[in-house]
Amino acid sequence: MGKTISVANAKGGVGKTTLALTVAGALAAAGFRVQLVDLDPQGSSLLWAGNRAKEGRAPAFDVTRTPASGYDWTVYDHAPGLPQKVNTQAHVVLVPTILAVNDYAATARFVQDLQASRSRFLVLPNRVEAINSNQAGMLEQLFAGQPYMPKRAGLERATNAGVTVYDEKSGLQSSPSIRKEFDLVMDALVALLDDPSLQRVYDANGRPLSK
């Protein structure tokens, strides 16, 4: 039985597709058989796969609308929406969020629903700009000791080019440094799968109650 990761948030515009592709790329680079299931009506992951094929690149992992058996890992790229559409499909949910008040308020509500259903999840601050004092403050107060993804143009360029930073020939000079950052995210996801005691608990405002 394969393992599943959902990349989801009720809030749109938080980088779900790019992160889902990067998760799938990381797993494929580690030698696993991976499928990415595009559940977003916009079909951005399917478009990525089409761009990759046009460039003559072999698929690193399969991208489809419907999950199939026989895979080590299935990664779900969700449309913005409610968590009850996520829980039954995932062993762990990756919840990307932007560190801005309105964005994080929506994430906090989503997290409360995940907690009510006893889902395992990792909240991931995404596109973080360390020079932004507000974001730096939120990062320190809410996510101390947790991985986060800085704002990196290389990730978006990879998506637009039909590659991930885990492709051996991505053509992106920044790929090695981004991989080091994202490896920490993957380590946290896998650790949470193996040890549910690592699950953080959040209050209604999205503040951590435990680590």
N, C-alpha and C. Protein backbone atom coordinates (compact mmCIF):
# COMPACT_ATOMS: atom_id res chain seq x y z
N MET A 1 0.85 -1.19 0.00
CA MET A 1 0.00 0.00 0.00
C MET A 1 0.88 1.24 0.00
N GLY A 2 0.71 2.10 -0.99
CA GLY A 2 1.53 3.30 -1.08
C GLY A 2 1.13 4.35 -0.06
N LYS A 3 2.00 5.30 0.14
CA LYS A 3 1.74 6.41 1.05
C LYS A 3 1.27 7.62 0.25
N THR A 4 0.53 8.50 0.93
CA THR A 4 -0.07 9.64 0.24
C THR A 4 0.22 10.94 0.98
N ILE A 5 0.44 11.98 0.20
CA ILE A 5 0.63 13.34 0.71
C ILE A 5 -0.32 14.25 -0.05
N SER A 6 -1.12 15.01 0.66
CA SER A 6 -1.95 16.03 0.04
C SER A 6 -1.33 17.40 0.27
N VAL A 7 -1.31 18.21 -0.76
CA VAL A 7 -0.88 19.60 -0.64
C VAL A 7 -2.14 20.43 -0.78
N ALA A 8 -2.56 21.06 0.31
CA ALA A 8 -3.90 21.64 0.34
C ALA A 8 -3.98 22.82 1.29
N ASN A 9 -4.91 23.71 0.98
CA ASN A 9 -5.29 24.81 1.85
C ASN A 9 -6.59 25.37 1.30
N ALA A 10 -7.46 25.85 2.16
CA ALA A 10 -8.68 26.48 1.69
C ALA A 10 -8.38 27.76 0.92
N LYS A 11 -7.23 28.37 1.21
CA LYS A 11 -6.81 29.63 0.58
C LYS A 11 -6.08 29.35 -0.71
N GLY A 12 -6.43 30.07 -1.76
CA GLY A 12 -5.71 29.96 -3.02
C GLY A 12 -4.50 30.88 -3.05
N GLY A 13 -3.65 30.68 -4.05
CA GLY A 13 -2.51 31.57 -4.25
C GLY A 13 -1.39 31.40 -3.25
N VAL A 14 -1.26 30.21 -2.66
CA VAL A 14 -0.22 29.99 -1.66
C VAL A 14 0.91 29.10 -2.17
N GLY A 15 0.85 28.71 -3.45
CA GLY A 15 1.93 27.93 -4.05
C GLY A 15 1.75 26.44 -3.98
N LYS A 16 0.50 25.98 -3.92
CA LYS A 16 0.24 24.54 -3.76
C LYS A 16 0.82 23.72 -4.91
N THR A 17 0.57 24.14 -6.15
CA THR A 17 1.00 23.32 -7.29
C THR A 17 2.52 23.22 -7.35
N THR A 18 3.21 24.33 -7.20
CA THR A 18 4.68 24.30 -7.24
C THR A 18 5.22 23.39 -6.15
N LEU A 19 4.64 23.45 -4.96
CA LEU A 19 5.11 22.59 -3.87
C LEU A 19 4.76 21.13 -4.12
N ALA A 20 3.57 20.85 -4.65
CA ALA A 20 3.20 19.47 -4.96
C ALA A 20 4.16 18.87 -5.98
N LEU A 21 4.49 19.63 -7.01
CA LEU A 21 5.44 19.16 -8.02
C LEU A 21 6.82 18.92 -7.40
N THR A 22 7.22 19.79 -6.50
CA THR A 22 8.54 19.65 -5.87
C THR A 22 8.57 18.45 -4.94
N VAL A 23 7.49 18.22 -4.20
CA VAL A 23 7.40 17.02 -3.36
C VAL A 23 7.52 15.77 -4.23
N ALA A 24 6.76 15.72 -5.31
CA ALA A 24 6.81 14.56 -6.21
C ALA A 24 8.20 14.39 -6.81
N GLY A 25 8.83 15.51 -7.19
CA GLY A 25 10.18 15.45 -7.74
C GLY A 25 11.19 14.93 -6.74
N ALA A 26 11.06 15.34 -5.49
CA ALA A 26 11.98 14.88 -4.45
C ALA A 26 11.84 13.38 -4.22
N LEU A 27 10.61 12.89 -4.18
CA LEU A 27 10.38 11.46 -3.97
C LEU A 27 10.88 10.64 -5.15
N ALA A 28 10.62 11.13 -6.37
CA ALA A 28 11.09 10.42 -7.56
C ALA A 28 12.61 10.37 -7.61
N ALA A 29 13.25 11.48 -7.23
CA ALA A 29 14.72 11.52 -7.23
C ALA A 29 15.31 10.56 -6.21
N ALA A 30 14.53 10.23 -5.18
CA ALA A 30 14.98 9.27 -4.17
C ALA A 30 14.76 7.82 -4.60
N GLY A 31 14.22 7.64 -5.81
CA GLY A 31 14.07 6.30 -6.36
C GLY A 31 12.70 5.67 -6.20
N PHE A 32 11.73 6.43 -5.72
CA PHE A 32 10.38 5.90 -5.54
C PHE A 32 9.56 6.04 -6.82
N ARG A 33 8.56 5.17 -6.97
CA ARG A 33 7.61 5.31 -8.06
C ARG A 33 6.49 6.23 -7.57
N VAL A 34 6.29 7.33 -8.28
CA VAL A 34 5.45 8.42 -7.78
C VAL A 34 4.40 8.80 -8.82
N GLN A 35 3.19 9.07 -8.35
CA GLN A 35 2.17 9.69 -9.19
C GLN A 35 1.69 10.96 -8.52
N LEU A 36 1.45 11.99 -9.31
CA LEU A 36 0.86 13.23 -8.82
C LEU A 36 -0.54 13.31 -9.41
N VAL A 37 -1.53 13.44 -8.55
CA VAL A 37 -2.92 13.50 -8.97
C VAL A 37 -3.38 14.95 -8.91
N ASP A 38 -3.72 15.50 -10.06
CA ASP A 38 -4.12 16.91 -10.17
C ASP A 38 -5.63 17.00 -9.95
N LEU A 39 -6.03 17.49 -8.79
CA LEU A 39 -7.45 17.63 -8.45
C LEU A 39 -7.95 19.07 -8.60
N ASP A 40 -7.10 19.94 -9.10
CA ASP A 40 -7.48 21.34 -9.31
C ASP A 40 -8.08 21.49 -10.71
N PRO A 41 -9.30 22.04 -10.83
CA PRO A 41 -9.90 22.22 -12.15
C PRO A 41 -9.02 23.02 -13.12
N GLN A 42 -8.15 23.87 -12.60
CA GLN A 42 -7.25 24.62 -13.48
C GLN A 42 -6.23 23.72 -14.15
N GLY A 43 -5.95 22.57 -13.57
CA GLY A 43 -5.06 21.60 -14.20
C GLY A 43 -3.63 22.08 -14.36
N SER A 44 -3.12 22.82 -13.40
CA SER A 44 -1.77 23.38 -13.53
C SER A 44 -0.69 22.31 -13.56
N SER A 45 -0.86 21.24 -12.79
CA SER A 45 0.14 20.17 -12.80
C SER A 45 0.12 19.43 -14.13
N LEU A 46 -1.06 19.22 -14.69
CA LEU A 46 -1.16 18.59 -16.01
C LEU A 46 -0.53 19.48 -17.07
N LEU A 47 -0.71 20.79 -16.95
CA LEU A 47 -0.08 21.72 -17.88
C LEU A 47 1.43 21.63 -17.77
N TRP A 48 1.94 21.53 -16.55
CA TRP A 48 3.38 21.35 -16.33
C TRP A 48 3.88 20.11 -17.05
N ALA A 49 3.14 19.00 -16.90
CA ALA A 49 3.55 17.75 -17.55
C ALA A 49 3.54 17.90 -19.06
N GLY A 50 2.57 18.65 -19.59
CA GLY A 50 2.53 18.89 -21.03
C GLY A 50 3.71 19.70 -21.50
N ASN A 51 4.08 20.71 -20.74
CA ASN A 51 5.25 21.52 -21.09
C ASN A 51 6.52 20.68 -21.06
N ARG A 52 6.60 19.78 -20.11
CA ARG A 52 7.76 18.90 -20.00
C ARG A 52 7.87 18.00 -21.23
N ALA A 53 6.73 17.45 -21.64
CA ALA A 53 6.73 16.58 -22.82
C ALA A 53 7.13 17.33 -24.08
N LYS A 54 6.66 18.58 -24.20
CA LYS A 54 7.00 19.39 -25.38
C LYS A 54 8.50 19.64 -25.47
N GLU A 55 9.16 19.70 -24.31
CA GLU A 55 10.60 19.92 -24.29
C GLU A 55 11.38 18.63 -24.50
N GLY A 56 10.66 17.51 -24.67
CA GLY A 56 11.32 16.23 -24.90
C GLY A 56 11.93 15.61 -23.67
N ARG A 57 11.47 16.00 -22.50
CA ARG A 57 12.00 15.44 -21.25
C ARG A 57 11.21 14.20 -20.85
N ALA A 58 11.90 13.18 -20.41
CA ALA A 58 11.24 11.98 -19.91
C ALA A 58 10.52 12.31 -18.61
N PRO A 59 9.36 11.70 -18.36
CA PRO A 59 8.65 11.98 -17.10
C PRO A 59 9.39 11.43 -15.89
N ALA A 60 9.58 12.28 -14.89
CA ALA A 60 10.20 11.83 -13.64
C ALA A 60 9.18 11.11 -12.78
N PHE A 61 7.91 11.48 -12.96
CA PHE A 61 6.80 10.85 -12.25
C PHE A 61 5.55 11.06 -13.10
N ASP A 62 4.52 10.28 -12.83
CA ASP A 62 3.29 10.36 -13.61
C ASP A 62 2.38 11.45 -13.06
N VAL A 63 1.71 12.17 -13.96
CA VAL A 63 0.74 13.19 -13.58
C VAL A 63 -0.59 12.80 -14.20
N THR A 64 -1.63 12.75 -13.38
CA THR A 64 -2.91 12.22 -13.85
C THR A 64 -4.05 12.90 -13.11
N ARG A 65 -5.26 12.66 -13.56
CA ARG A 65 -6.45 13.14 -12.86
C ARG A 65 -6.99 12.11 -11.87
N THR A 66 -6.69 10.83 -12.12
CA THR A 66 -7.26 9.75 -11.33
C THR A 66 -6.15 8.87 -10.77
N PRO A 67 -6.11 8.62 -9.48
CA PRO A 67 -5.04 7.79 -8.91
C PRO A 67 -5.15 6.34 -9.36
N ALA A 68 -3.99 5.71 -9.46
CA ALA A 68 -3.91 4.30 -9.83
C ALA A 68 -3.11 3.55 -8.78
N SER A 69 -3.19 2.24 -8.79
CA SER A 69 -2.44 1.43 -7.84
C SER A 69 -1.03 1.20 -8.36
N GLY A 70 -0.17 0.67 -7.50
CA GLY A 70 1.17 0.29 -7.92
C GLY A 70 2.23 1.35 -7.70
N TYR A 71 1.92 2.41 -6.98
CA TYR A 71 2.88 3.48 -6.73
C TYR A 71 3.34 3.45 -5.27
N ASP A 72 4.58 3.85 -5.06
CA ASP A 72 5.09 3.97 -3.70
C ASP A 72 4.48 5.18 -2.99
N TRP A 73 4.33 6.26 -3.76
CA TRP A 73 3.81 7.52 -3.21
C TRP A 73 2.80 8.12 -4.19
N THR A 74 1.73 8.69 -3.62
CA THR A 74 0.78 9.48 -4.38
C THR A 74 0.73 10.87 -3.76
N VAL A 75 0.93 11.88 -4.59
CA VAL A 75 0.88 13.28 -4.15
C VAL A 75 -0.36 13.91 -4.77
N TYR A 76 -1.22 14.49 -3.95
CA TYR A 76 -2.43 15.14 -4.42
C TYR A 76 -2.23 16.66 -4.45
N ASP A 77 -2.48 17.24 -5.62
CA ASP A 77 -2.47 18.69 -5.79
C ASP A 77 -3.93 19.15 -5.76
N HIS A 78 -4.35 19.72 -4.63
CA HIS A 78 -5.75 20.06 -4.42
C HIS A 78 -6.08 21.48 -4.87
N ALA A 79 -7.33 21.64 -5.30
CA ALA A 79 -7.87 22.98 -5.48
C ALA A 79 -8.13 23.58 -4.11
N PRO A 80 -8.22 24.92 -4.01
CA PRO A 80 -8.61 25.51 -2.73
C PRO A 80 -9.95 24.94 -2.29
N GLY A 81 -10.08 24.60 -1.02
CA GLY A 81 -11.34 24.02 -0.58
C GLY A 81 -11.28 23.51 0.84
N LEU A 82 -12.34 22.87 1.24
CA LEU A 82 -12.51 22.42 2.62
C LEU A 82 -11.77 21.11 2.87
N PRO A 83 -11.30 20.90 4.10
CA PRO A 83 -10.45 19.75 4.38
C PRO A 83 -11.15 18.41 4.33
N GLN A 84 -12.49 18.36 4.42
CA GLN A 84 -13.12 17.05 4.38
C GLN A 84 -12.92 16.38 3.02
N LYS A 85 -12.54 17.16 2.01
CA LYS A 85 -12.24 16.59 0.71
C LYS A 85 -10.79 16.09 0.65
N VAL A 86 -10.04 16.33 1.70
CA VAL A 86 -8.62 15.98 1.73
C VAL A 86 -8.35 14.78 2.63
N ASN A 87 -9.01 14.73 3.77
CA ASN A 87 -8.61 13.82 4.84
C ASN A 87 -8.57 12.35 4.45
N THR A 88 -9.57 11.89 3.70
CA THR A 88 -9.65 10.47 3.40
C THR A 88 -8.59 10.03 2.40
N GLN A 89 -7.89 10.96 1.79
CA GLN A 89 -6.95 10.62 0.74
C GLN A 89 -5.49 10.70 1.17
N ALA A 90 -5.21 11.23 2.33
CA ALA A 90 -3.81 11.53 2.65
C ALA A 90 -3.38 10.97 3.99
N HIS A 91 -2.17 10.43 4.02
CA HIS A 91 -1.55 10.07 5.29
C HIS A 91 -1.05 11.32 6.01
N VAL A 92 -0.66 12.33 5.25
CA VAL A 92 -0.22 13.59 5.82
C VAL A 92 -0.57 14.71 4.84
N VAL A 93 -0.91 15.88 5.39
CA VAL A 93 -1.29 17.03 4.57
C VAL A 93 -0.23 18.12 4.73
N LEU A 94 0.29 18.59 3.61
CA LEU A 94 1.19 19.73 3.60
C LEU A 94 0.36 20.98 3.35
N VAL A 95 0.39 21.90 4.30
CA VAL A 95 -0.46 23.10 4.25
C VAL A 95 0.41 24.33 4.05
N PRO A 96 0.61 24.77 2.81
CA PRO A 96 1.40 25.98 2.60
C PRO A 96 0.61 27.22 2.99
N THR A 97 1.31 28.20 3.52
CA THR A 97 0.66 29.45 3.90
C THR A 97 1.60 30.61 3.63
N ILE A 98 1.00 31.74 3.32
CA ILE A 98 1.74 32.99 3.19
C ILE A 98 1.70 33.70 4.54
N LEU A 99 2.81 34.27 4.94
CA LEU A 99 2.87 34.95 6.23
C LEU A 99 2.36 36.38 6.11
N ALA A 100 1.06 36.48 5.96
CA ALA A 100 0.34 37.75 5.98
C ALA A 100 -0.92 37.51 6.80
N VAL A 101 -1.42 38.54 7.45
CA VAL A 101 -2.49 38.37 8.43
C VAL A 101 -3.71 37.69 7.83
N ASN A 102 -4.21 38.19 6.69
CA ASN A 102 -5.42 37.61 6.09
C ASN A 102 -5.19 36.19 5.61
N ASP A 103 -4.04 35.96 4.97
CA ASP A 103 -3.74 34.62 4.48
C ASP A 103 -3.65 33.63 5.64
N TYR A 104 -2.97 34.03 6.69
CA TYR A 104 -2.77 33.09 7.79
C TYR A 104 -4.06 32.86 8.58
N ALA A 105 -4.94 33.83 8.60
CA ALA A 105 -6.23 33.63 9.27
C ALA A 105 -7.02 32.53 8.58
N ALA A 106 -6.99 32.51 7.23
CA ALA A 106 -7.66 31.45 6.48
C ALA A 106 -7.00 30.11 6.75
N THR A 107 -5.67 30.10 6.82
CA THR A 107 -4.95 28.86 7.13
C THR A 107 -5.31 28.35 8.51
N ALA A 108 -5.42 29.25 9.49
CA ALA A 108 -5.76 28.84 10.86
C ALA A 108 -7.11 28.15 10.92
N ARG A 109 -8.08 28.65 10.15
CA ARG A 109 -9.40 28.00 10.12
C ARG A 109 -9.30 26.61 9.50
N PHE A 110 -8.52 26.50 8.43
CA PHE A 110 -8.31 25.22 7.77
C PHE A 110 -7.65 24.23 8.73
N VAL A 111 -6.68 24.70 9.47
CA VAL A 111 -5.96 23.85 10.42
C VAL A 111 -6.90 23.35 11.52
N GLN A 112 -7.81 24.19 11.99
CA GLN A 112 -8.76 23.75 13.01
C GLN A 112 -9.60 22.58 12.52
N ASP A 113 -10.01 22.63 11.26
CA ASP A 113 -10.79 21.53 10.70
C ASP A 113 -9.94 20.27 10.57
N LEU A 114 -8.68 20.43 10.19
CA LEU A 114 -7.79 19.27 10.11
C LEU A 114 -7.61 18.63 11.48
N GLN A 115 -7.44 19.46 12.49
CA GLN A 115 -7.27 18.94 13.85
C GLN A 115 -8.52 18.22 14.32
N ALA A 116 -9.69 18.74 13.97
CA ALA A 116 -10.94 18.11 14.38
C ALA A 116 -11.08 16.71 13.79
N SER A 117 -10.51 16.51 12.62
CA SER A 117 -10.57 15.19 11.97
C SER A 117 -9.35 14.33 12.28
N ARG A 118 -8.48 14.85 13.16
CA ARG A 118 -7.28 14.13 13.61
C ARG A 118 -6.34 13.78 12.45
N SER A 119 -6.25 14.68 11.52
CA SER A 119 -5.31 14.50 10.41
C SER A 119 -3.91 14.87 10.86
N ARG A 120 -2.93 14.24 10.25
CA ARG A 120 -1.55 14.68 10.41
C ARG A 120 -1.27 15.74 9.35
N PHE A 121 -0.62 16.81 9.76
CA PHE A 121 -0.38 17.89 8.81
C PHE A 121 0.85 18.68 9.22
N LEU A 122 1.44 19.32 8.23
CA LEU A 122 2.58 20.21 8.44
C LEU A 122 2.25 21.55 7.80
N VAL A 123 2.20 22.60 8.61
CA VAL A 123 2.00 23.95 8.07
C VAL A 123 3.35 24.47 7.60
N LEU A 124 3.40 24.90 6.35
CA LEU A 124 4.67 25.33 5.76
C LEU A 124 4.60 26.79 5.33
N PRO A 125 5.27 27.69 6.05
CA PRO A 125 5.38 29.06 5.56
C PRO A 125 6.08 29.06 4.20
N ASN A 126 5.46 29.68 3.22
CA ASN A 126 5.96 29.63 1.85
C ASN A 126 6.20 31.05 1.34
N ARG A 127 7.17 31.16 0.43
CA ARG A 127 7.53 32.46 -0.17
C ARG A 127 7.90 33.48 0.91
N VAL A 128 8.64 33.03 1.87
CA VAL A 128 9.01 33.88 3.00
C VAL A 128 10.11 34.85 2.59
N GLU A 129 9.93 36.12 2.93
CA GLU A 129 10.93 37.16 2.69
C GLU A 129 11.48 37.58 4.06
N ALA A 130 12.68 37.13 4.35
CA ALA A 130 13.26 37.37 5.67
C ALA A 130 13.47 38.86 5.97
N ILE A 131 13.61 39.67 4.91
CA ILE A 131 13.82 41.10 5.12
C ILE A 131 12.52 41.81 5.48
N ASN A 132 11.40 41.13 5.33
CA ASN A 132 10.11 41.69 5.72
C ASN A 132 9.93 41.49 7.22
N SER A 133 9.91 42.57 7.97
CA SER A 133 9.89 42.46 9.43
C SER A 133 8.63 41.76 9.94
N ASN A 134 7.49 41.98 9.27
CA ASN A 134 6.26 41.32 9.69
C ASN A 134 6.35 39.81 9.51
N GLN A 135 6.88 39.40 8.35
CA GLN A 135 7.02 37.97 8.10
C GLN A 135 8.05 37.35 9.05
N ALA A 136 9.14 38.06 9.27
CA ALA A 136 10.17 37.55 10.18
C ALA A 136 9.60 37.36 11.59
N GLY A 137 8.75 38.30 12.02
CA GLY A 137 8.14 38.20 13.33
C GLY A 137 7.19 37.02 13.44
N MET A 138 6.36 36.82 12.41
CA MET A 138 5.44 35.68 12.41
C MET A 138 6.20 34.37 12.38
N LEU A 139 7.29 34.34 11.62
CA LEU A 139 8.09 33.12 11.52
C LEU A 139 8.65 32.74 12.90
N GLU A 140 9.15 33.75 13.61
CA GLU A 140 9.74 33.49 14.93
C GLU A 140 8.69 33.09 15.96
N GLN A 141 7.54 33.76 15.93
CA GLN A 141 6.52 33.51 16.94
C GLN A 141 5.75 32.21 16.72
N LEU A 142 5.51 31.87 15.45
CA LEU A 142 4.61 30.76 15.14
C LEU A 142 5.30 29.49 14.65
N PHE A 143 6.51 29.65 14.09
CA PHE A 143 7.13 28.50 13.41
C PHE A 143 8.59 28.30 13.81
N ALA A 144 8.94 28.68 15.01
CA ALA A 144 10.32 28.49 15.47
C ALA A 144 10.69 27.01 15.42
N GLY A 145 11.83 26.73 14.81
CA GLY A 145 12.31 25.35 14.73
C GLY A 145 11.69 24.52 13.64
N GLN A 146 10.81 25.11 12.83
CA GLN A 146 10.17 24.38 11.75
C GLN A 146 10.76 24.81 10.40
N PRO A 147 10.70 23.93 9.40
CA PRO A 147 11.17 24.33 8.07
C PRO A 147 10.23 25.35 7.43
N TYR A 148 10.78 26.14 6.54
CA TYR A 148 9.99 27.07 5.75
C TYR A 148 10.67 27.23 4.40
N MET A 149 9.93 27.76 3.44
CA MET A 149 10.50 27.98 2.11
C MET A 149 10.61 29.47 1.83
N PRO A 150 11.83 29.96 1.64
CA PRO A 150 12.00 31.35 1.25
C PRO A 150 11.40 31.61 -0.13
N LYS A 151 11.17 32.86 -0.42
CA LYS A 151 10.71 33.23 -1.75
C LYS A 151 11.87 33.03 -2.72
N ARG A 152 11.72 32.08 -3.63
CA ARG A 152 12.79 31.73 -4.55
C ARG A 152 12.24 31.72 -5.97
N ALA A 153 12.76 32.63 -6.80
CA ALA A 153 12.31 32.70 -8.19
C ALA A 153 12.61 31.41 -8.93
N GLY A 154 13.64 30.69 -8.49
CA GLY A 154 14.01 29.45 -9.16
C GLY A 154 12.92 28.40 -9.12
N LEU A 155 12.15 28.35 -8.04
CA LEU A 155 11.05 27.39 -7.96
C LEU A 155 10.00 27.67 -9.02
N GLU A 156 9.64 28.93 -9.18
CA GLU A 156 8.64 29.29 -10.18
C GLU A 156 9.18 29.08 -11.59
N ARG A 157 10.44 29.39 -11.81
CA ARG A 157 11.04 29.17 -13.13
C ARG A 157 11.05 27.68 -13.47
N ALA A 158 11.33 26.85 -12.48
CA ALA A 158 11.32 25.41 -12.72
C ALA A 158 9.94 24.94 -13.14
N THR A 159 8.91 25.40 -12.44
CA THR A 159 7.55 25.01 -12.78
C THR A 159 7.19 25.44 -14.19
N ASN A 160 7.53 26.66 -14.56
CA ASN A 160 7.22 27.17 -15.89
C ASN A 160 7.96 26.43 -16.99
N ALA A 161 9.12 25.86 -16.63
CA ALA A 161 9.95 25.17 -17.63
C ALA A 161 9.65 23.67 -17.72
N GLY A 162 8.71 23.18 -16.91
CA GLY A 162 8.39 21.76 -16.95
C GLY A 162 9.41 20.89 -16.26
N VAL A 163 10.11 21.44 -15.26
CA VAL A 163 11.09 20.67 -14.50
C VAL A 163 10.82 20.91 -13.01
N THR A 164 11.55 20.18 -12.17
CA THR A 164 11.61 20.50 -10.75
C THR A 164 13.09 20.70 -10.40
N VAL A 165 13.34 21.24 -9.25
CA VAL A 165 14.74 21.46 -8.85
C VAL A 165 15.45 20.15 -8.58
N TYR A 166 14.71 19.04 -8.57
CA TYR A 166 15.32 17.72 -8.36
C TYR A 166 15.69 17.04 -9.67
N ASP A 167 15.37 17.63 -10.80
CA ASP A 167 15.84 17.10 -12.08
C ASP A 167 17.36 17.26 -12.17
N GLU A 168 18.04 16.23 -12.66
CA GLU A 168 19.49 16.30 -12.77
C GLU A 168 19.93 17.43 -13.70
N LYS A 169 19.15 17.67 -14.74
CA LYS A 169 19.48 18.73 -15.69
C LYS A 169 18.33 19.73 -15.74
N SER A 170 18.13 20.39 -14.62
CA SER A 170 17.04 21.36 -14.55
C SER A 170 17.36 22.64 -15.30
N GLY A 171 18.65 22.90 -15.49
CA GLY A 171 19.05 24.13 -16.16
C GLY A 171 19.01 25.35 -15.26
N LEU A 172 18.81 25.15 -13.96
CA LEU A 172 18.70 26.26 -13.01
C LEU A 172 19.90 26.25 -12.07
N GLN A 173 20.64 27.35 -12.04
CA GLN A 173 21.81 27.43 -11.17
C GLN A 173 21.44 27.35 -9.69
N SER A 174 20.23 27.77 -9.37
CA SER A 174 19.82 27.81 -7.96
C SER A 174 19.30 26.46 -7.45
N SER A 175 19.20 25.46 -8.32
CA SER A 175 18.62 24.18 -7.92
C SER A 175 19.28 23.56 -6.69
N PRO A 176 20.63 23.48 -6.61
CA PRO A 176 21.24 22.84 -5.44
C PRO A 176 20.86 23.51 -4.11
N SER A 177 20.85 24.84 -4.08
CA SER A 177 20.53 25.52 -2.82
C SER A 177 19.05 25.35 -2.47
N ILE A 178 18.18 25.36 -3.48
CA ILE A 178 16.75 25.16 -3.20
C ILE A 178 16.50 23.74 -2.72
N ARG A 179 17.20 22.78 -3.31
CA ARG A 179 17.05 21.39 -2.86
C ARG A 179 17.41 21.25 -1.39
N LYS A 180 18.47 21.90 -0.95
CA LYS A 180 18.86 21.82 0.46
C LYS A 180 17.75 22.34 1.36
N GLU A 181 17.12 23.43 0.94
CA GLU A 181 16.01 23.99 1.72
C GLU A 181 14.82 23.04 1.73
N PHE A 182 14.51 22.48 0.57
CA PHE A 182 13.32 21.64 0.48
C PHE A 182 13.54 20.28 1.11
N ASP A 183 14.77 19.81 1.15
CA ASP A 183 15.05 18.55 1.82
C ASP A 183 14.61 18.59 3.29
N LEU A 184 14.70 19.75 3.91
CA LEU A 184 14.26 19.90 5.30
C LEU A 184 12.75 19.73 5.41
N VAL A 185 12.02 20.21 4.41
CA VAL A 185 10.57 20.03 4.37
C VAL A 185 10.23 18.55 4.24
N MET A 186 10.92 17.87 3.32
CA MET A 186 10.66 16.44 3.11
C MET A 186 10.99 15.64 4.37
N ASP A 187 12.09 15.99 5.03
CA ASP A 187 12.46 15.31 6.27
C ASP A 187 11.36 15.45 7.32
N ALA A 188 10.78 16.65 7.42
CA ALA A 188 9.73 16.89 8.40
C ALA A 188 8.46 16.11 8.06
N LEU A 189 8.12 16.03 6.78
CA LEU A 189 6.94 15.27 6.36
C LEU A 189 7.10 13.78 6.67
N VAL A 190 8.24 13.23 6.31
CA VAL A 190 8.48 11.80 6.54
C VAL A 190 8.52 11.49 8.03
N ALA A 191 9.14 12.37 8.81
CA ALA A 191 9.20 12.17 10.26
C ALA A 191 7.80 12.17 10.87
N LEU A 192 6.94 13.06 10.38
CA LEU A 192 5.57 13.13 10.89
C LEU A 192 4.78 11.87 10.53
N LEU A 193 5.05 11.33 9.35
CA LEU A 193 4.41 10.07 8.97
C LEU A 193 4.82 8.94 9.91
N ASP A 194 6.08 8.93 10.27
CA ASP A 194 6.61 7.85 11.11
C ASP A 194 6.28 8.02 12.59
N ASP A 195 6.12 9.27 13.03
CA ASP A 195 5.95 9.53 14.46
C ASP A 195 4.88 10.60 14.68
N PRO A 196 3.62 10.18 14.92
CA PRO A 196 2.53 11.16 15.10
C PRO A 196 2.71 12.06 16.30
N SER A 197 3.60 11.70 17.24
CA SER A 197 3.81 12.56 18.41
C SER A 197 4.46 13.88 18.03
N LEU A 198 4.99 13.96 16.80
CA LEU A 198 5.61 15.20 16.33
C LEU A 198 4.59 16.23 15.86
N GLN A 199 3.32 15.81 15.80
CA GLN A 199 2.27 16.72 15.32
C GLN A 199 2.13 17.93 16.23
N ARG A 200 2.21 19.11 15.65
CA ARG A 200 1.96 20.33 16.42
C ARG A 200 0.46 20.57 16.53
N VAL A 201 0.07 21.20 17.63
CA VAL A 201 -1.32 21.55 17.87
C VAL A 201 -1.43 23.06 17.90
N TYR A 202 -2.48 23.58 17.26
CA TYR A 202 -2.65 25.03 17.13
C TYR A 202 -3.98 25.47 17.74
N ASP A 203 -4.00 26.70 18.28
CA ASP A 203 -5.25 27.25 18.77
C ASP A 203 -6.03 27.86 17.61
N ALA A 204 -7.18 28.45 17.91
CA ALA A 204 -8.07 28.96 16.87
C ALA A 204 -7.45 30.10 16.07
N ASN A 205 -6.43 30.75 16.62
CA ASN A 205 -5.75 31.83 15.92
C ASN A 205 -4.50 31.36 15.18
N GLY A 206 -4.27 30.06 15.21
CA GLY A 206 -3.11 29.51 14.51
C GLY A 206 -1.83 29.58 15.30
N ARG A 207 -1.93 29.80 16.60
CA ARG A 207 -0.73 29.83 17.44
C ARG A 207 -0.45 28.42 17.97
N PRO A 208 0.80 27.99 17.95
CA PRO A 208 1.11 26.63 18.40
C PRO A 208 0.93 26.48 19.90
N LEU A 209 0.27 25.38 20.28
CA LEU A 209 0.09 25.06 21.70
C LEU A 209 1.12 24.06 22.18
N SER A 210 1.63 23.26 21.23
CA SER A 210 2.64 22.27 21.59
C SER A 210 3.49 22.00 20.38
N LYS A 211 4.62 21.34 20.58
CA LYS A 211 5.54 21.01 19.51
C LYS A 211 5.63 19.50 19.37
